[in-house]
């Protein structure tokens, strides 16, 4: 099995890196407005957000989509 993923723009990008970059670009308040989840709006931290995002697929997908939109724009 090959670990290469041609065409996958998220290959090699960790969830922590995505979240850290989004927080740096938008800040927690704006990120919480764009993706309305409690871990972004109520006492946010990278650690608590990662814990939630790793077990909640729909929220992780929203973060990935925002990250890709930011990278394209």
PDB file of N, CA and C in Angstrom:
ATOM      1  N   UNK A   1       0.846  -1.187   0.000  1.00  0.00           N
ATOM      2  CA  UNK A   1       0.000   0.000   0.000  1.00  0.00           C
ATOM      3  C   UNK A   1       0.884   1.240   0.000  1.00  0.00           C
ATOM      4  N   UNK A   2       0.589   2.165  -0.835  1.00  0.00           N
ATOM      5  CA  UNK A   2       1.351   3.401  -0.946  1.00  0.00           C
ATOM      6  C   UNK A   2       0.810   4.453   0.004  1.00  0.00           C
ATOM      7  N   UNK A   3       1.723   5.230   0.603  1.00  0.00           N
ATOM      8  CA  UNK A   3       1.270   6.292   1.500  1.00  0.00           C
ATOM      9  C   UNK A   3       1.130   7.624   0.769  1.00  0.00           C
ATOM     10  N   UNK A   4       1.309   7.612  -0.535  1.00  0.00           N
ATOM     11  CA  UNK A   4       1.120   8.827  -1.322  1.00  0.00           C
ATOM     12  C   UNK A   4      -0.351   8.967  -1.675  1.00  0.00           C
ATOM     13  N   UNK A   5      -0.814  10.200  -1.652  1.00  0.00           N
ATOM     14  CA  UNK A   5      -2.215  10.461  -1.962  1.00  0.00           C
ATOM     15  C   UNK A   5      -2.303  11.587  -2.987  1.00  0.00           C
ATOM     16  N   UNK A   6      -2.078  11.257  -4.258  1.00  0.00           N
ATOM     17  CA  UNK A   6      -2.138  12.303  -5.283  1.00  0.00           C
ATOM     18  C   UNK A   6      -3.523  12.932  -5.334  1.00  0.00           C
ATOM     19  N   UNK A   7      -3.549  14.224  -5.420  1.00  0.00           N
ATOM     20  CA  UNK A   7      -4.823  14.927  -5.525  1.00  0.00           C
ATOM     21  C   UNK A   7      -5.454  15.251  -4.181  1.00  0.00           C
ATOM     22  N   UNK A   8      -4.875  14.788  -3.079  1.00  0.00           N
ATOM     23  CA  UNK A   8      -5.421  15.096  -1.759  1.00  0.00           C
ATOM     24  C   UNK A   8      -4.703  16.330  -1.206  1.00  0.00           C
ATOM     25  N   UNK A   9      -5.361  17.495  -1.208  1.00  0.00           N
ATOM     26  CA  UNK A   9      -4.703  18.720  -0.758  1.00  0.00           C
ATOM     27  C   UNK A   9      -4.405  18.732   0.738  1.00  0.00           C
ATOM     28  N   UNK A  10      -4.992  17.821   1.494  1.00  0.00           N
ATOM     29  CA  UNK A  10      -4.748  17.771   2.939  1.00  0.00           C
ATOM     30  C   UNK A  10      -3.685  16.741   3.328  1.00  0.00           C
ATOM     31  N   UNK A  11      -3.140  16.038   2.353  1.00  0.00           N
ATOM     32  CA  UNK A  11      -2.130  15.025   2.654  1.00  0.00           C
ATOM     33  C   UNK A  11      -0.926  15.674   3.335  1.00  0.00           C
ATOM     34  N   UNK A  12      -0.564  15.160   4.496  1.00  0.00           N
ATOM     35  CA  UNK A  12       0.590  15.681   5.223  1.00  0.00           C
ATOM     36  C   UNK A  12       0.279  16.857   6.126  1.00  0.00           C
ATOM     37  N   UNK A  13      -0.956  17.320   6.132  1.00  0.00           N
ATOM     38  CA  UNK A  13      -1.345  18.450   6.983  1.00  0.00           C
ATOM     39  C   UNK A  13      -2.102  17.889   8.185  1.00  0.00           C
ATOM     40  N   UNK A  14      -1.571  18.134   9.375  1.00  0.00           N
ATOM     41  CA  UNK A  14      -2.229  17.624  10.572  1.00  0.00           C
ATOM     42  C   UNK A  14      -3.408  18.507  10.951  1.00  0.00           C
ATOM     43  N   UNK A  15      -4.315  17.922  11.692  1.00  0.00           N
ATOM     44  CA  UNK A  15      -5.459  18.677  12.194  1.00  0.00           C
ATOM     45  C   UNK A  15      -4.984  19.815  13.098  1.00  0.00           C
ATOM     46  N   UNK A  16      -3.958  19.559  13.880  1.00  0.00           N
ATOM     47  CA  UNK A  16      -3.419  20.604  14.755  1.00  0.00           C
ATOM     48  C   UNK A  16      -2.868  21.773  13.944  1.00  0.00           C
ATOM     49  N   UNK A  17      -2.170  21.478  12.870  1.00  0.00           N
ATOM     50  CA  UNK A  17      -1.638  22.547  12.009  1.00  0.00           C
ATOM     51  C   UNK A  17      -2.774  23.360  11.391  1.00  0.00           C
ATOM     52  N   UNK A  18      -3.798  22.663  10.882  1.00  0.00           N
ATOM     53  CA  UNK A  18      -4.947  23.360  10.300  1.00  0.00           C
ATOM     54  C   UNK A  18      -5.571  24.308  11.320  1.00  0.00           C
ATOM     55  N   UNK A  19      -5.840  23.776  12.506  1.00  0.00           N
ATOM     56  CA  UNK A  19      -6.501  24.571  13.537  1.00  0.00           C
ATOM     57  C   UNK A  19      -5.632  25.743  13.972  1.00  0.00           C
ATOM     58  N   UNK A  20      -4.345  25.503  14.155  1.00  0.00           N
ATOM     59  CA  UNK A  20      -3.429  26.566  14.570  1.00  0.00           C
ATOM     60  C   UNK A  20      -3.395  27.687  13.533  1.00  0.00           C
ATOM     61  N   UNK A  21      -3.343  27.338  12.261  1.00  0.00           N
ATOM     62  CA  UNK A  21      -3.320  28.349  11.203  1.00  0.00           C
ATOM     63  C   UNK A  21      -4.644  29.111  11.134  1.00  0.00           C
ATOM     64  N   UNK A  22      -5.752  28.402  11.284  1.00  0.00           N
ATOM     65  CA  UNK A  22      -7.055  29.068  11.244  1.00  0.00           C
ATOM     66  C   UNK A  22      -7.207  30.045  12.410  1.00  0.00           C
ATOM     67  N   UNK A  23      -6.772  29.639  13.590  1.00  0.00           N
ATOM     68  CA  UNK A  23      -6.853  30.533  14.753  1.00  0.00           C
ATOM     69  C   UNK A  23      -5.944  31.745  14.545  1.00  0.00           C
ATOM     70  N   UNK A  24      -4.764  31.525  13.987  1.00  0.00           N
ATOM     71  CA  UNK A  24      -3.847  32.638  13.727  1.00  0.00           C
ATOM     72  C   UNK A  24      -4.443  33.618  12.714  1.00  0.00           C
ATOM     73  N   UNK A  25      -5.124  33.091  11.698  1.00  0.00           N
ATOM     74  CA  UNK A  25      -5.685  33.939  10.650  1.00  0.00           C
ATOM     75  C   UNK A  25      -6.986  34.628  11.061  1.00  0.00           C
ATOM     76  N   UNK A  26      -7.850  33.900  11.760  1.00  0.00           N
ATOM     77  CA  UNK A  26      -9.183  34.416  12.064  1.00  0.00           C
ATOM     78  C   UNK A  26      -9.385  34.814  13.515  1.00  0.00           C
ATOM     79  N   UNK A  27      -8.671  34.178  14.427  1.00  0.00           N
ATOM     80  CA  UNK A  27      -8.923  34.360  15.851  1.00  0.00           C
ATOM     81  C   UNK A  27     -10.088  33.467  16.268  1.00  0.00           C
ATOM     82  N   UNK A  28     -10.178  33.198  17.577  1.00  0.00           N
ATOM     83  CA  UNK A  28     -11.225  32.297  18.065  1.00  0.00           C
ATOM     84  C   UNK A  28     -12.629  32.837  17.815  1.00  0.00           C
ATOM     85  N   UNK A  29     -12.823  34.142  18.016  1.00  0.00           N
ATOM     86  CA  UNK A  29     -14.177  34.709  17.873  1.00  0.00           C
ATOM     87  C   UNK A  29     -14.702  34.534  16.446  1.00  0.00           C
ATOM     88  N   UNK A  30     -13.882  34.869  15.470  1.00  0.00           N
ATOM     89  CA  UNK A  30     -14.310  34.741  14.066  1.00  0.00           C
ATOM     90  C   UNK A  30     -14.430  33.275  13.666  1.00  0.00           C
ATOM     91  N   UNK A  31     -13.514  32.447  14.137  1.00  0.00           N
ATOM     92  CA  UNK A  31     -13.594  31.020  13.839  1.00  0.00           C
ATOM     93  C   UNK A  31     -14.888  30.434  14.409  1.00  0.00           C
ATOM     94  N   UNK A  32     -15.253  30.855  15.611  1.00  0.00           N
ATOM     95  CA  UNK A  32     -16.502  30.403  16.223  1.00  0.00           C
ATOM     96  C   UNK A  32     -17.727  30.904  15.489  1.00  0.00           C
ATOM     97  N   UNK A  33     -17.607  32.059  14.855  1.00  0.00           N
ATOM     98  CA  UNK A  33     -18.719  32.565  14.052  1.00  0.00           C
ATOM     99  C   UNK A  33     -18.849  31.783  12.744  1.00  0.00           C
ATOM    100  N   UNK A  34     -17.712  31.459  12.147  1.00  0.00           N
ATOM    101  CA  UNK A  34     -17.710  30.722  10.877  1.00  0.00           C
ATOM    102  C   UNK A  34     -18.113  29.264  11.054  1.00  0.00           C
ATOM    103  N   UNK A  35     -17.658  28.661  12.143  1.00  0.00           N
ATOM    104  CA  UNK A  35     -17.996  27.269  12.463  1.00  0.00           C
ATOM    105  C   UNK A  35     -18.531  27.281  13.888  1.00  0.00           C
ATOM    106  N   UNK A  36     -19.838  27.253  14.006  1.00  0.00           N
ATOM    107  CA  UNK A  36     -20.486  27.443  15.306  1.00  0.00           C
ATOM    108  C   UNK A  36     -20.493  26.153  16.129  1.00  0.00           C
ATOM    109  N   UNK A  37     -19.359  25.919  16.789  1.00  0.00           N
ATOM    110  CA  UNK A  37     -19.283  24.793  17.711  1.00  0.00           C
ATOM    111  C   UNK A  37     -18.766  25.314  19.053  1.00  0.00           C
ATOM    112  N   UNK A  38     -19.223  24.708  20.115  1.00  0.00           N
ATOM    113  CA  UNK A  38     -18.967  25.186  21.472  1.00  0.00           C
ATOM    114  C   UNK A  38     -17.473  25.298  21.786  1.00  0.00           C
ATOM    115  N   UNK A  39     -16.674  24.355  21.309  1.00  0.00           N
ATOM    116  CA  UNK A  39     -15.249  24.394  21.659  1.00  0.00           C
ATOM    117  C   UNK A  39     -14.531  25.606  21.047  1.00  0.00           C
ATOM    118  N   UNK A  40     -15.131  26.262  20.067  1.00  0.00           N
ATOM    119  CA  UNK A  40     -14.566  27.488  19.502  1.00  0.00           C
ATOM    120  C   UNK A  40     -15.128  28.730  20.179  1.00  0.00           C
ATOM    121  N   UNK A  41     -16.293  28.617  20.779  1.00  0.00           N
ATOM    122  CA  UNK A  41     -16.985  29.782  21.317  1.00  0.00           C
ATOM    123  C   UNK A  41     -16.964  29.892  22.842  1.00  0.00           C
ATOM    124  N   UNK A  42     -16.654  28.808  23.529  1.00  0.00           N
ATOM    125  CA  UNK A  42     -16.761  28.792  24.978  1.00  0.00           C
ATOM    126  C   UNK A  42     -15.432  28.333  25.582  1.00  0.00           C
ATOM    127  N   UNK A  43     -14.614  29.261  26.057  1.00  0.00           N
ATOM    128  CA  UNK A  43     -13.299  28.963  26.637  1.00  0.00           C
ATOM    129  C   UNK A  43     -12.452  28.115  25.684  1.00  0.00           C
ATOM    130  N   UNK A  44     -12.191  28.623  24.478  1.00  0.00           N
ATOM    131  CA  UNK A  44     -11.512  27.825  23.452  1.00  0.00           C
ATOM    132  C   UNK A  44     -10.035  27.597  23.752  1.00  0.00           C
ATOM    133  N   UNK A  45      -9.550  26.449  23.340  1.00  0.00           N
ATOM    134  CA  UNK A  45      -8.124  26.138  23.360  1.00  0.00           C
ATOM    135  C   UNK A  45      -7.845  25.135  22.247  1.00  0.00           C
ATOM    136  N   UNK A  46      -6.607  25.099  21.824  1.00  0.00           N
ATOM    137  CA  UNK A  46      -6.220  24.144  20.783  1.00  0.00           C
ATOM    138  C   UNK A  46      -6.455  22.721  21.289  1.00  0.00           C
ATOM    139  N   UNK A  47      -6.033  22.440  22.515  1.00  0.00           N
ATOM    140  CA  UNK A  47      -6.137  21.089  23.065  1.00  0.00           C
ATOM    141  C   UNK A  47      -7.583  20.593  23.124  1.00  0.00           C
ATOM    142  N   UNK A  48      -8.482  21.408  23.678  1.00  0.00           N
ATOM    143  CA  UNK A  48      -9.877  20.963  23.797  1.00  0.00           C
ATOM    144  C   UNK A  48     -10.542  20.863  22.423  1.00  0.00           C
ATOM    145  N   UNK A  49     -10.197  21.772  21.530  1.00  0.00           N
ATOM    146  CA  UNK A  49     -10.772  21.738  20.188  1.00  0.00           C
ATOM    147  C   UNK A  49     -10.309  20.502  19.421  1.00  0.00           C
ATOM    148  N   UNK A  50      -9.017  20.164  19.534  1.00  0.00           N
ATOM    149  CA  UNK A  50      -8.512  18.973  18.866  1.00  0.00           C
ATOM    150  C   UNK A  50      -9.194  17.715  19.389  1.00  0.00           C
ATOM    151  N   UNK A  51      -9.394  17.643  20.689  1.00  0.00           N
ATOM    152  CA  UNK A  51     -10.058  16.481  21.280  1.00  0.00           C
ATOM    153  C   UNK A  51     -11.462  16.314  20.687  1.00  0.00           C
ATOM    154  N   UNK A  52     -12.190  17.406  20.589  1.00  0.00           N
ATOM    155  CA  UNK A  52     -13.541  17.359  20.023  1.00  0.00           C
ATOM    156  C   UNK A  52     -13.507  17.023  18.532  1.00  0.00           C
ATOM    157  N   UNK A  53     -12.645  17.686  17.791  1.00  0.00           N
ATOM    158  CA  UNK A  53     -12.600  17.502  16.341  1.00  0.00           C
ATOM    159  C   UNK A  53     -12.164  16.089  15.950  1.00  0.00           C
ATOM    160  N   UNK A  54     -11.305  15.487  16.738  1.00  0.00           N
ATOM    161  CA  UNK A  54     -10.838  14.136  16.422  1.00  0.00           C
ATOM    162  C   UNK A  54     -11.929  13.093  16.569  1.00  0.00           C
ATOM    163  N   UNK A  55     -12.936  13.370  17.380  1.00  0.00           N
ATOM    164  CA  UNK A  55     -14.006  12.385  17.547  1.00  0.00           C
ATOM    165  C   UNK A  55     -15.327  12.805  16.905  1.00  0.00           C
ATOM    166  N   UNK A  56     -15.348  13.962  16.235  1.00  0.00           N
ATOM    167  CA  UNK A  56     -16.583  14.465  15.645  1.00  0.00           C
ATOM    168  C   UNK A  56     -16.342  14.771  14.166  1.00  0.00           C
ATOM    169  N   UNK A  57     -16.704  13.813  13.332  1.00  0.00           N
ATOM    170  CA  UNK A  57     -16.379  13.899  11.907  1.00  0.00           C
ATOM    171  C   UNK A  57     -16.982  15.124  11.216  1.00  0.00           C
ATOM    172  N   UNK A  58     -18.260  15.447  11.498  1.00  0.00           N
ATOM    173  CA  UNK A  58     -18.898  16.567  10.799  1.00  0.00           C
ATOM    174  C   UNK A  58     -18.190  17.890  11.124  1.00  0.00           C
ATOM    175  N   UNK A  59     -17.735  18.051  12.352  1.00  0.00           N
ATOM    176  CA  UNK A  59     -17.037  19.289  12.730  1.00  0.00           C
ATOM    177  C   UNK A  59     -15.649  19.335  12.087  1.00  0.00           C
ATOM    178  N   UNK A  60     -14.970  18.196  12.082  1.00  0.00           N
ATOM    179  CA  UNK A  60     -13.651  18.137  11.455  1.00  0.00           C
ATOM    180  C   UNK A  60     -13.750  18.468   9.971  1.00  0.00           C
ATOM    181  N   UNK A  61     -14.773  17.974   9.305  1.00  0.00           N
ATOM    182  CA  UNK A  61     -14.961  18.274   7.877  1.00  0.00           C
ATOM    183  C   UNK A  61     -15.150  19.773   7.650  1.00  0.00           C
ATOM    184  N   UNK A  62     -15.873  20.442   8.542  1.00  0.00           N
ATOM    185  CA  UNK A  62     -16.066  21.890   8.405  1.00  0.00           C
ATOM    186  C   UNK A  62     -14.734  22.630   8.555  1.00  0.00           C
ATOM    187  N   UNK A  63     -13.901  22.182   9.492  1.00  0.00           N
ATOM    188  CA  UNK A  63     -12.579  22.790   9.672  1.00  0.00           C
ATOM    189  C   UNK A  63     -11.729  22.554   8.419  1.00  0.00           C
ATOM    190  N   UNK A  64     -11.747  21.342   7.896  1.00  0.00           N
ATOM    191  CA  UNK A  64     -10.980  21.034   6.689  1.00  0.00           C
ATOM    192  C   UNK A  64     -11.445  21.887   5.508  1.00  0.00           C
ATOM    193  N   UNK A  65     -12.748  22.037   5.343  1.00  0.00           N
ATOM    194  CA  UNK A  65     -13.282  22.843   4.246  1.00  0.00           C
ATOM    195  C   UNK A  65     -12.870  24.309   4.383  1.00  0.00           C
ATOM    196  N   UNK A  66     -12.937  24.854   5.592  1.00  0.00           N
ATOM    197  CA  UNK A  66     -12.528  26.241   5.805  1.00  0.00           C
ATOM    198  C   UNK A  66     -11.037  26.399   5.530  1.00  0.00           C
ATOM    199  N   UNK A  67     -10.247  25.449   5.978  1.00  0.00           N
ATOM    200  CA  UNK A  67      -8.805  25.483   5.746  1.00  0.00           C
ATOM    201  C   UNK A  67      -8.499  25.488   4.245  1.00  0.00           C
ATOM    202  N   UNK A  68      -9.161  24.611   3.501  1.00  0.00           N
ATOM    203  CA  UNK A  68      -8.946  24.547   2.046  1.00  0.00           C
ATOM    204  C   UNK A  68      -9.394  25.826   1.357  1.00  0.00           C
ATOM    205  N   UNK A  69     -10.507  26.395   1.807  1.00  0.00           N
ATOM    206  CA  UNK A  69     -11.006  27.653   1.241  1.00  0.00           C
ATOM    207  C   UNK A  69      -9.992  28.779   1.481  1.00  0.00           C
ATOM    208  N   UNK A  70      -9.447  28.806   2.679  1.00  0.00           N
ATOM    209  CA  UNK A  70      -8.442  29.826   3.033  1.00  0.00           C
ATOM    210  C   UNK A  70      -7.198  29.667   2.179  1.00  0.00           C
ATOM    211  N   UNK A  71      -6.755  28.426   1.966  1.00  0.00           N
ATOM    212  CA  UNK A  71      -5.559  28.171   1.182  1.00  0.00           C
ATOM    213  C   UNK A  71      -5.761  28.529  -0.307  1.00  0.00           C
ATOM    214  N   UNK A  72      -6.982  28.328  -0.794  1.00  0.00           N
ATOM    215  CA  UNK A  72      -7.279  28.635  -2.195  1.00  0.00           C
ATOM    216  C   UNK A  72      -7.440  30.125  -2.435  1.00  0.00           C
ATOM    217  N   UNK A  73      -7.866  30.831  -1.397  1.00  0.00           N
ATOM    218  CA  UNK A  73      -8.174  32.252  -1.533  1.00  0.00           C
ATOM    219  C   UNK A  73      -7.063  33.114  -1.247  1.00  0.00           C
TER     220      UNK A  73
END
